[in-house]
Amino acid sequence: MQLTVDIEFNELLKIIKQLPAFQIEKIKTEVNEKTVVNKPIVEKSEFQEFLLSGPVMSEEQYQGYLENRQQFNKWRSK
């Protein structure tokens, strides 16, 4: 015998909140086991390693870059 019940999400949530803590934990565990997706481990290529090992701007250099961009934008719009 099989029984199918159509319950909206909010109603289901309300019912779950009324359960004792140990049963809520059981539900959490069950849901996590069903929804965990194994992400493939992607190794970085030599090119990615090369890019990641490159130089990085300091905050001072970045601010200078932004100021220069503003000046170039003003110059182009004249």
C-alpha atoms as a PDB file:
ATOM      1  CA  MET A   1       0.000   0.000   0.000  1.00  0.00           C
ATOM      2  CA  GLN A   2       1.312   3.418  -0.926  1.00  0.00           C
ATOM      3  CA  LEU A   3       0.077   6.808   0.187  1.00  0.00           C
ATOM      4  CA  THR A   4       0.926  10.016  -1.633  1.00  0.00           C
ATOM      5  CA  VAL A   5       0.420  13.346   0.077  1.00  0.00           C
ATOM      6  CA  ASP A   6       0.793  16.739  -1.568  1.00  0.00           C
ATOM      7  CA  ILE A   7       2.297  19.078   1.052  1.00  0.00           C
ATOM      8  CA  GLU A   8       3.605  22.536   0.285  1.00  0.00           C
ATOM      9  CA  PHE A   9       7.121  23.441   1.383  1.00  0.00           C
ATOM     10  CA  ASN A  10       5.989  25.824   4.155  1.00  0.00           C
ATOM     11  CA  GLU A  11       3.676  23.201   5.601  1.00  0.00           C
ATOM     12  CA  LEU A  12       6.435  20.604   5.541  1.00  0.00           C
ATOM     13  CA  LEU A  13       8.817  23.006   7.236  1.00  0.00           C
ATOM     14  CA  LYS A  14       6.234  23.702   9.937  1.00  0.00           C
ATOM     15  CA  ILE A  15       5.825  19.956  10.564  1.00  0.00           C
ATOM     16  CA  ILE A  16       9.585  19.390  10.704  1.00  0.00           C
ATOM     17  CA  LYS A  17      10.031  22.191  13.243  1.00  0.00           C
ATOM     18  CA  GLN A  18       7.602  20.377  15.560  1.00  0.00           C
ATOM     19  CA  LEU A  19       9.759  17.226  15.610  1.00  0.00           C
ATOM     20  CA  PRO A  20      12.157  16.422  18.443  1.00  0.00           C
ATOM     21  CA  ALA A  21      15.784  17.480  17.927  1.00  0.00           C
ATOM     22  CA  PHE A  22      17.104  13.944  17.311  1.00  0.00           C
ATOM     23  CA  GLN A  23      14.604  13.394  14.496  1.00  0.00           C
ATOM     24  CA  ILE A  24      15.503  16.736  12.909  1.00  0.00           C
ATOM     25  CA  GLU A  25      19.154  15.662  12.990  1.00  0.00           C
ATOM     26  CA  LYS A  26      18.193  12.390  11.287  1.00  0.00           C
ATOM     27  CA  ILE A  27      16.411  14.349   8.557  1.00  0.00           C
ATOM     28  CA  LYS A  28      19.431  16.653   8.108  1.00  0.00           C
ATOM     29  CA  THR A  29      21.748  13.667   7.784  1.00  0.00           C
ATOM     30  CA  GLU A  30      19.485  11.945   5.286  1.00  0.00           C
ATOM     31  CA  VAL A  31      19.086  15.068   3.153  1.00  0.00           C
ATOM     32  CA  ASN A  32      22.838  15.760   3.193  1.00  0.00           C
ATOM     33  CA  GLU A  33      23.602  12.202   2.103  1.00  0.00           C
ATOM     34  CA  LYS A  34      21.170  12.486  -0.790  1.00  0.00           C
ATOM     35  CA  THR A  35      22.315  15.926  -1.976  1.00  0.00           C
ATOM     36  CA  VAL A  36      26.102  15.746  -1.640  1.00  0.00           C
ATOM     37  CA  VAL A  37      27.667  16.024  -5.039  1.00  0.00           C
ATOM     38  CA  ASN A  38      31.211  14.803  -5.411  1.00  0.00           C
ATOM     39  CA  LYS A  39      33.121  17.529  -7.166  1.00  0.00           C
ATOM     40  CA  PRO A  40      35.918  16.240  -9.330  1.00  0.00           C
ATOM     41  CA  ILE A  41      39.352  17.324  -8.215  1.00  0.00           C
ATOM     42  CA  VAL A  42      40.772  19.510 -10.929  1.00  0.00           C
ATOM     43  CA  GLU A  43      44.516  19.811 -11.057  1.00  0.00           C
ATOM     44  CA  LYS A  44      45.976  23.117 -12.136  1.00  0.00           C
ATOM     45  CA  SER A  45      47.696  23.158 -15.482  1.00  0.00           C
ATOM     46  CA  GLU A  46      51.192  24.552 -15.900  1.00  0.00           C
ATOM     47  CA  PHE A  47      49.691  27.661 -17.466  1.00  0.00           C
ATOM     48  CA  GLN A  48      47.354  28.193 -14.503  1.00  0.00           C
ATOM     49  CA  GLU A  49      50.285  27.775 -12.119  1.00  0.00           C
ATOM     50  CA  PHE A  50      52.251  30.295 -14.194  1.00  0.00           C
ATOM     51  CA  LEU A  51      49.422  32.848 -14.028  1.00  0.00           C
ATOM     52  CA  LEU A  52      48.884  32.357 -10.300  1.00  0.00           C
ATOM     53  CA  SER A  53      52.572  32.811  -9.544  1.00  0.00           C
ATOM     54  CA  GLY A  54      52.698  36.191 -11.303  1.00  0.00           C
ATOM     55  CA  PRO A  55      53.069  39.585  -9.668  1.00  0.00           C
ATOM     56  CA  VAL A  56      50.170  41.169  -7.789  1.00  0.00           C
ATOM     57  CA  MET A  57      49.357  44.888  -7.512  1.00  0.00           C
ATOM     58  CA  SER A  58      49.640  46.538  -4.143  1.00  0.00           C
ATOM     59  CA  GLU A  59      46.743  48.686  -2.934  1.00  0.00           C
ATOM     60  CA  GLU A  60      48.797  51.813  -3.681  1.00  0.00           C
ATOM     61  CA  GLN A  61      49.477  50.674  -7.254  1.00  0.00           C
ATOM     62  CA  TYR A  62      45.800  49.824  -7.735  1.00  0.00           C
ATOM     63  CA  GLN A  63      44.724  53.301  -6.602  1.00  0.00           C
ATOM     64  CA  GLY A  64      47.219  54.823  -9.055  1.00  0.00           C
ATOM     65  CA  TYR A  65      45.775  52.646 -11.809  1.00  0.00           C
ATOM     66  CA  LEU A  66      42.238  53.843 -11.010  1.00  0.00           C
ATOM     67  CA  GLU A  67      43.361  57.484 -11.090  1.00  0.00           C
ATOM     68  CA  ASN A  68      45.043  56.946 -14.461  1.00  0.00           C
ATOM     69  CA  ARG A  69      41.871  55.314 -15.830  1.00  0.00           C
ATOM     70  CA  GLN A  70      39.847  58.343 -14.777  1.00  0.00           C
ATOM     71  CA  GLN A  71      42.322  60.674 -16.495  1.00  0.00           C
ATOM     72  CA  PHE A  72      42.266  58.600 -19.710  1.00  0.00           C
ATOM     73  CA  ASN A  73      38.472  58.540 -19.679  1.00  0.00           C
ATOM     74  CA  LYS A  74      38.362  62.344 -19.321  1.00  0.00           C
ATOM     75  CA  TRP A  75      40.907  62.750 -22.118  1.00  0.00           C
ATOM     76  CA  ARG A  76      38.945  60.485 -24.487  1.00  0.00           C
ATOM     77  CA  SER A  77      35.609  62.184 -23.826  1.00  0.00           C
ATOM     78  CA  LYS A  78      36.892  65.680 -24.777  1.00  0.00           C
END
